[in-house]
Amino acid sequence: MLNVKKQPLITEQEAAKRLCVSVHKLRADRHHSTGIPYVKIGKLVRYHPEDLDTFISEQKVTPL
């Protein structure tokens, strides 16, 4: 069965704004197969908001 996320997909522009990075940075990450998981629909790139939340959580650094 397909694992469908609950929130609607967002554009790369919306994702970049939410992460405070450029669209170019997201594109470079995709080109290098790094960064956030994404959905490709034809030529369109979309992100699941939950994946952005997970990515942000994984970047947390706790000082010693």
PDB file of N, CA and C in Angstrom:
ATOM      1  N   MET A   1       0.832  -1.184   0.000  1.00  0.00           N
ATOM      2  CA  MET A   1       0.000   0.000   0.000  1.00  0.00           C
ATOM      3  C   MET A   1       0.875   1.244   0.000  1.00  0.00           C
ATOM      4  N   LEU A   2       0.477   2.252  -0.678  1.00  0.00           N
ATOM      5  CA  LEU A   2       1.208   3.504  -0.797  1.00  0.00           C
ATOM      6  C   LEU A   2       1.121   4.306   0.486  1.00  0.00           C
ATOM      7  N   ASN A   3       2.258   4.795   0.969  1.00  0.00           N
ATOM      8  CA  ASN A   3       2.292   5.622   2.179  1.00  0.00           C
ATOM      9  C   ASN A   3       2.047   7.073   1.783  1.00  0.00           C
ATOM     10  N   VAL A   4       0.822   7.539   1.958  1.00  0.00           N
ATOM     11  CA  VAL A   4       0.436   8.891   1.556  1.00  0.00           C
ATOM     12  C   VAL A   4       0.541   9.828   2.755  1.00  0.00           C
ATOM     13  N   LYS A   5       1.203  10.950   2.562  1.00  0.00           N
ATOM     14  CA  LYS A   5       1.336  11.949   3.615  1.00  0.00           C
ATOM     15  C   LYS A   5       0.036  12.738   3.717  1.00  0.00           C
ATOM     16  N   LYS A   6      -0.231  13.301   4.889  1.00  0.00           N
ATOM     17  CA  LYS A   6      -1.500  13.983   5.131  1.00  0.00           C
ATOM     18  C   LYS A   6      -1.532  15.407   4.573  1.00  0.00           C
ATOM     19  N   GLN A   7      -0.436  16.163   4.684  1.00  0.00           N
ATOM     20  CA  GLN A   7      -0.436  17.554   4.239  1.00  0.00           C
ATOM     21  C   GLN A   7      -0.163  17.629   2.737  1.00  0.00           C
ATOM     22  N   PRO A   8      -0.679  18.667   2.081  1.00  0.00           N
ATOM     23  CA  PRO A   8      -0.427  18.807   0.641  1.00  0.00           C
ATOM     24  C   PRO A   8       1.049  19.093   0.363  1.00  0.00           C
ATOM     25  N   LEU A   9       1.481  18.708  -0.823  1.00  0.00           N
ATOM     26  CA  LEU A   9       2.860  18.954  -1.234  1.00  0.00           C
ATOM     27  C   LEU A   9       3.099  20.448  -1.398  1.00  0.00           C
ATOM     28  N   ILE A  10       4.350  20.871  -1.178  1.00  0.00           N
ATOM     29  CA  ILE A  10       4.698  22.280  -1.368  1.00  0.00           C
ATOM     30  C   ILE A  10       5.764  22.397  -2.459  1.00  0.00           C
ATOM     31  N   THR A  11       5.838  23.563  -3.052  1.00  0.00           N
ATOM     32  CA  THR A  11       6.789  23.817  -4.140  1.00  0.00           C
ATOM     33  C   THR A  11       8.200  23.985  -3.584  1.00  0.00           C
ATOM     34  N   GLU A  12       9.173  23.948  -4.489  1.00  0.00           N
ATOM     35  CA  GLU A  12      10.549  24.152  -4.044  1.00  0.00           C
ATOM     36  C   GLU A  12      10.751  25.587  -3.552  1.00  0.00           C
ATOM     37  N   GLN A  13      10.010  26.540  -4.098  1.00  0.00           N
ATOM     38  CA  GLN A  13      10.097  27.920  -3.627  1.00  0.00           C
ATOM     39  C   GLN A  13       9.591  28.028  -2.186  1.00  0.00           C
ATOM     40  N   GLU A  14       8.473  27.355  -1.901  1.00  0.00           N
ATOM     41  CA  GLU A  14       7.935  27.365  -0.545  1.00  0.00           C
ATOM     42  C   GLU A  14       8.872  26.652   0.427  1.00  0.00           C
ATOM     43  N   ALA A  15       9.455  25.543  -0.019  1.00  0.00           N
ATOM     44  CA  ALA A  15      10.396  24.807   0.820  1.00  0.00           C
ATOM     45  C   ALA A  15      11.636  25.649   1.107  1.00  0.00           C
ATOM     46  N   ALA A  16      12.156  26.318   0.092  1.00  0.00           N
ATOM     47  CA  ALA A  16      13.337  27.161   0.267  1.00  0.00           C
ATOM     48  C   ALA A  16      13.049  28.291   1.260  1.00  0.00           C
ATOM     49  N   LYS A  17      11.893  28.896   1.134  1.00  0.00           N
ATOM     50  CA  LYS A  17      11.519  29.978   2.042  1.00  0.00           C
ATOM     51  C   LYS A  17      11.412  29.466   3.475  1.00  0.00           C
ATOM     52  N   ARG A  18      10.794  28.305   3.634  1.00  0.00           N
ATOM     53  CA  ARG A  18      10.631  27.736   4.984  1.00  0.00           C
ATOM     54  C   ARG A  18      11.970  27.384   5.618  1.00  0.00           C
ATOM     55  N   LEU A  19      12.933  26.965   4.801  1.00  0.00           N
ATOM     56  CA  LEU A  19      14.252  26.585   5.304  1.00  0.00           C
ATOM     57  C   LEU A  19      15.247  27.744   5.321  1.00  0.00           C
ATOM     58  N   CYS A  20      14.838  28.884   4.795  1.00  0.00           N
ATOM     59  CA  CYS A  20      15.721  30.063   4.690  1.00  0.00           C
ATOM     60  C   CYS A  20      16.972  29.752   3.867  1.00  0.00           C
ATOM     61  N   VAL A  21      16.759  29.049   2.764  1.00  0.00           N
ATOM     62  CA  VAL A  21      17.838  28.770   1.817  1.00  0.00           C
ATOM     63  C   VAL A  21      17.338  29.154   0.424  1.00  0.00           C
ATOM     64  N   SER A  22      18.231  29.159  -0.533  1.00  0.00           N
ATOM     65  CA  SER A  22      17.830  29.491  -1.895  1.00  0.00           C
ATOM     66  C   SER A  22      17.294  28.255  -2.618  1.00  0.00           C
ATOM     67  N   VAL A  23      16.519  28.499  -3.652  1.00  0.00           N
ATOM     68  CA  VAL A  23      16.050  27.417  -4.516  1.00  0.00           C
ATOM     69  C   VAL A  23      17.261  26.747  -5.155  1.00  0.00           C
ATOM     70  N   HIS A  24      18.264  27.537  -5.483  1.00  0.00           N
ATOM     71  CA  HIS A  24      19.500  27.003  -6.065  1.00  0.00           C
ATOM     72  C   HIS A  24      20.129  25.964  -5.137  1.00  0.00           C
ATOM     73  N   LYS A  25      20.126  26.214  -3.835  1.00  0.00           N
ATOM     74  CA  LYS A  25      20.681  25.275  -2.857  1.00  0.00           C
ATOM     75  C   LYS A  25      19.902  23.954  -2.886  1.00  0.00           C
ATOM     76  N   LEU A  26      18.576  24.023  -2.919  1.00  0.00           N
ATOM     77  CA  LEU A  26      17.773  22.801  -2.988  1.00  0.00           C
ATOM     78  C   LEU A  26      18.063  22.032  -4.278  1.00  0.00           C
ATOM     79  N   ARG A  27      18.201  22.759  -5.378  1.00  0.00           N
ATOM     80  CA  ARG A  27      18.490  22.115  -6.666  1.00  0.00           C
ATOM     81  C   ARG A  27      19.872  21.464  -6.654  1.00  0.00           C
ATOM     82  N   ALA A  28      20.842  22.149  -6.063  1.00  0.00           N
ATOM     83  CA  ALA A  28      22.194  21.586  -5.972  1.00  0.00           C
ATOM     84  C   ALA A  28      22.185  20.325  -5.112  1.00  0.00           C
ATOM     85  N   ASP A  29      21.455  20.353  -4.014  1.00  0.00           N
ATOM     86  CA  ASP A  29      21.347  19.158  -3.164  1.00  0.00           C
ATOM     87  C   ASP A  29      20.737  17.990  -3.935  1.00  0.00           C
ATOM     88  N   ARG A  30      19.681  18.248  -4.705  1.00  0.00           N
ATOM     89  CA  ARG A  30      19.067  17.183  -5.500  1.00  0.00           C
ATOM     90  C   ARG A  30      20.051  16.646  -6.533  1.00  0.00           C
ATOM     91  N   HIS A  31      20.789  17.540  -7.162  1.00  0.00           N
ATOM     92  CA  HIS A  31      21.762  17.138  -8.186  1.00  0.00           C
ATOM     93  C   HIS A  31      22.824  16.211  -7.585  1.00  0.00           C
ATOM     94  N   HIS A  32      23.201  16.478  -6.323  1.00  0.00           N
ATOM     95  CA  HIS A  32      24.232  15.677  -5.642  1.00  0.00           C
ATOM     96  C   HIS A  32      23.631  14.540  -4.814  1.00  0.00           C
ATOM     97  N   SER A  33      22.326  14.319  -4.965  1.00  0.00           N
ATOM     98  CA  SER A  33      21.614  13.259  -4.226  1.00  0.00           C
ATOM     99  C   SER A  33      21.787  13.387  -2.718  1.00  0.00           C
ATOM    100  N   THR A  34      21.712  14.619  -2.229  1.00  0.00           N
ATOM    101  CA  THR A  34      21.778  14.878  -0.791  1.00  0.00           C
ATOM    102  C   THR A  34      20.572  15.723  -0.411  1.00  0.00           C
ATOM    103  N   GLY A  35      20.428  15.978   0.875  1.00  0.00           N
ATOM    104  CA  GLY A  35      19.368  16.885   1.300  1.00  0.00           C
ATOM    105  C   GLY A  35      18.062  16.182   1.593  1.00  0.00           C
ATOM    106  N   ILE A  36      16.982  16.835   1.253  1.00  0.00           N
ATOM    107  CA  ILE A  36      15.641  16.445   1.647  1.00  0.00           C
ATOM    108  C   ILE A  36      14.991  15.574   0.577  1.00  0.00           C
ATOM    109  N   PRO A  37      14.277  14.520   0.975  1.00  0.00           N
ATOM    110  CA  PRO A  37      13.537  13.737  -0.012  1.00  0.00           C
ATOM    111  C   PRO A  37      12.519  14.619  -0.741  1.00  0.00           C
ATOM    112  N   TYR A  38      12.280  14.318  -2.001  1.00  0.00           N
ATOM    113  CA  TYR A  38      11.354  15.117  -2.803  1.00  0.00           C
ATOM    114  C   TYR A  38      10.544  14.212  -3.710  1.00  0.00           C
ATOM    115  N   VAL A  39       9.502  14.776  -4.283  1.00  0.00           N
ATOM    116  CA  VAL A  39       8.626  14.063  -5.204  1.00  0.00           C
ATOM    117  C   VAL A  39       8.772  14.715  -6.570  1.00  0.00           C
ATOM    118  N   LYS A  40       8.944  13.913  -7.585  1.00  0.00           N
ATOM    119  CA  LYS A  40       9.065  14.419  -8.949  1.00  0.00           C
ATOM    120  C   LYS A  40       7.796  14.027  -9.708  1.00  0.00           C
ATOM    121  N   ILE A  41       7.080  15.021 -10.195  1.00  0.00           N
ATOM    122  CA  ILE A  41       5.863  14.805 -10.975  1.00  0.00           C
ATOM    123  C   ILE A  41       6.106  15.455 -12.333  1.00  0.00           C
ATOM    124  N   GLY A  42       6.484  14.641 -13.298  1.00  0.00           N
ATOM    125  CA  GLY A  42       6.910  15.197 -14.584  1.00  0.00           C
ATOM    126  C   GLY A  42       8.164  16.020 -14.352  1.00  0.00           C
ATOM    127  N   LYS A  43       8.109  17.299 -14.699  1.00  0.00           N
ATOM    128  CA  LYS A  43       9.243  18.193 -14.454  1.00  0.00           C
ATOM    129  C   LYS A  43       9.118  18.933 -13.124  1.00  0.00           C
ATOM    130  N   LEU A  44       7.979  18.783 -12.473  1.00  0.00           N
ATOM    131  CA  LEU A  44       7.738  19.492 -11.212  1.00  0.00           C
ATOM    132  C   LEU A  44       8.397  18.792 -10.043  1.00  0.00           C
ATOM    133  N   VAL A  45       8.932  19.575  -9.131  1.00  0.00           N
ATOM    134  CA  VAL A  45       9.510  19.057  -7.897  1.00  0.00           C
ATOM    135  C   VAL A  45       8.666  19.564  -6.744  1.00  0.00           C
ATOM    136  N   ARG A  46       8.284  18.648  -5.867  1.00  0.00           N
ATOM    137  CA  ARG A  46       7.478  19.000  -4.703  1.00  0.00           C
ATOM    138  C   ARG A  46       8.057  18.340  -3.464  1.00  0.00           C
ATOM    139  N   TYR A  47       7.774  18.925  -2.319  1.00  0.00           N
ATOM    140  CA  TYR A  47       8.250  18.405  -1.041  1.00  0.00           C
ATOM    141  C   TYR A  47       7.079  18.141  -0.112  1.00  0.00           C
ATOM    142  N   HIS A  48       7.211  17.094   0.703  1.00  0.00           N
ATOM    143  CA  HIS A  48       6.243  16.843   1.769  1.00  0.00           C
ATOM    144  C   HIS A  48       6.649  17.708   2.964  1.00  0.00           C
ATOM    145  N   PRO A  49       5.749  18.503   3.514  1.00  0.00           N
ATOM    146  CA  PRO A  49       6.090  19.316   4.685  1.00  0.00           C
ATOM    147  C   PRO A  49       6.654  18.480   5.841  1.00  0.00           C
ATOM    148  N   GLU A  50       6.158  17.252   5.996  1.00  0.00           N
ATOM    149  CA  GLU A  50       6.661  16.380   7.058  1.00  0.00           C
ATOM    150  C   GLU A  50       8.144  16.064   6.864  1.00  0.00           C
ATOM    151  N   ASP A  51       8.576  15.932   5.600  1.00  0.00           N
ATOM    152  CA  ASP A  51       9.990  15.667   5.320  1.00  0.00           C
ATOM    153  C   ASP A  51      10.853  16.875   5.683  1.00  0.00           C
ATOM    154  N   LEU A  52      10.316  18.084   5.493  1.00  0.00           N
ATOM    155  CA  LEU A  52      11.052  19.282   5.906  1.00  0.00           C
ATOM    156  C   LEU A  52      11.189  19.297   7.425  1.00  0.00           C
ATOM    157  N   ASP A  53      10.113  18.968   8.134  1.00  0.00           N
ATOM    158  CA  ASP A  53      10.160  18.928   9.597  1.00  0.00           C
ATOM    159  C   ASP A  53      11.191  17.915  10.077  1.00  0.00           C
ATOM    160  N   THR A  54      11.205  16.751   9.459  1.00  0.00           N
ATOM    161  CA  THR A  54      12.177  15.711   9.824  1.00  0.00           C
ATOM    162  C   THR A  54      13.593  16.191   9.563  1.00  0.00           C
ATOM    163  N   PHE A  55      13.813  16.795   8.396  1.00  0.00           N
ATOM    164  CA  PHE A  55      15.147  17.294   8.057  1.00  0.00           C
ATOM    165  C   PHE A  55      15.611  18.326   9.075  1.00  0.00           C
ATOM    166  N   ILE A  56      14.733  19.244   9.446  1.00  0.00           N
ATOM    167  CA  ILE A  56      15.080  20.276  10.426  1.00  0.00           C
ATOM    168  C   ILE A  56      15.433  19.615  11.760  1.00  0.00           C
ATOM    169  N   SER A  57      14.644  18.651  12.197  1.00  0.00           N
ATOM    170  CA  SER A  57      14.901  17.956  13.465  1.00  0.00           C
ATOM    171  C   SER A  57      16.250  17.254  13.456  1.00  0.00           C
ATOM    172  N   GLU A  58      16.605  16.681  12.327  1.00  0.00           N
ATOM    173  CA  GLU A  58      17.872  15.951  12.219  1.00  0.00           C
ATOM    174  C   GLU A  58      19.091  16.878  12.215  1.00  0.00           C
ATOM    175  N   GLN A  59      18.896  18.162  12.005  1.00  0.00           N
ATOM    176  CA  GLN A  59      20.006  19.100  11.966  1.00  0.00           C
ATOM    177  C   GLN A  59      20.331  19.669  13.358  1.00  0.00           C
ATOM    178  N   LYS A  60      19.561  19.274  14.345  1.00  0.00           N
ATOM    179  CA  LYS A  60      19.735  19.809  15.697  1.00  0.00           C
ATOM    180  C   LYS A  60      21.115  19.433  16.246  1.00  0.00           C
ATOM    181  N   VAL A  61      21.799  20.431  16.775  1.00  0.00           N
ATOM    182  CA  VAL A  61      23.111  20.239  17.386  1.00  0.00           C
ATOM    183  C   VAL A  61      22.991  20.618  18.857  1.00  0.00           C
ATOM    184  N   THR A  62      23.402  19.684  19.713  1.00  0.00           N
ATOM    185  CA  THR A  62      23.375  19.955  21.147  1.00  0.00           C
ATOM    186  C   THR A  62      24.807  20.182  21.610  1.00  0.00           C
ATOM    187  N   PRO A  63      25.111  21.384  22.112  1.00  0.00           N
ATOM    188  CA  PRO A  63      26.467  21.653  22.588  1.00  0.00           C
ATOM    189  C   PRO A  63      26.815  20.767  23.785  1.00  0.00           C
ATOM    190  N   LEU A  64      28.092  20.482  23.914  1.00  0.00           N
ATOM    191  CA  LEU A  64      28.552  19.656  25.029  1.00  0.00           C
ATOM    192  C   LEU A  64      28.509  20.359  26.343  1.00  0.00           C
TER     193      LEU A  64
END
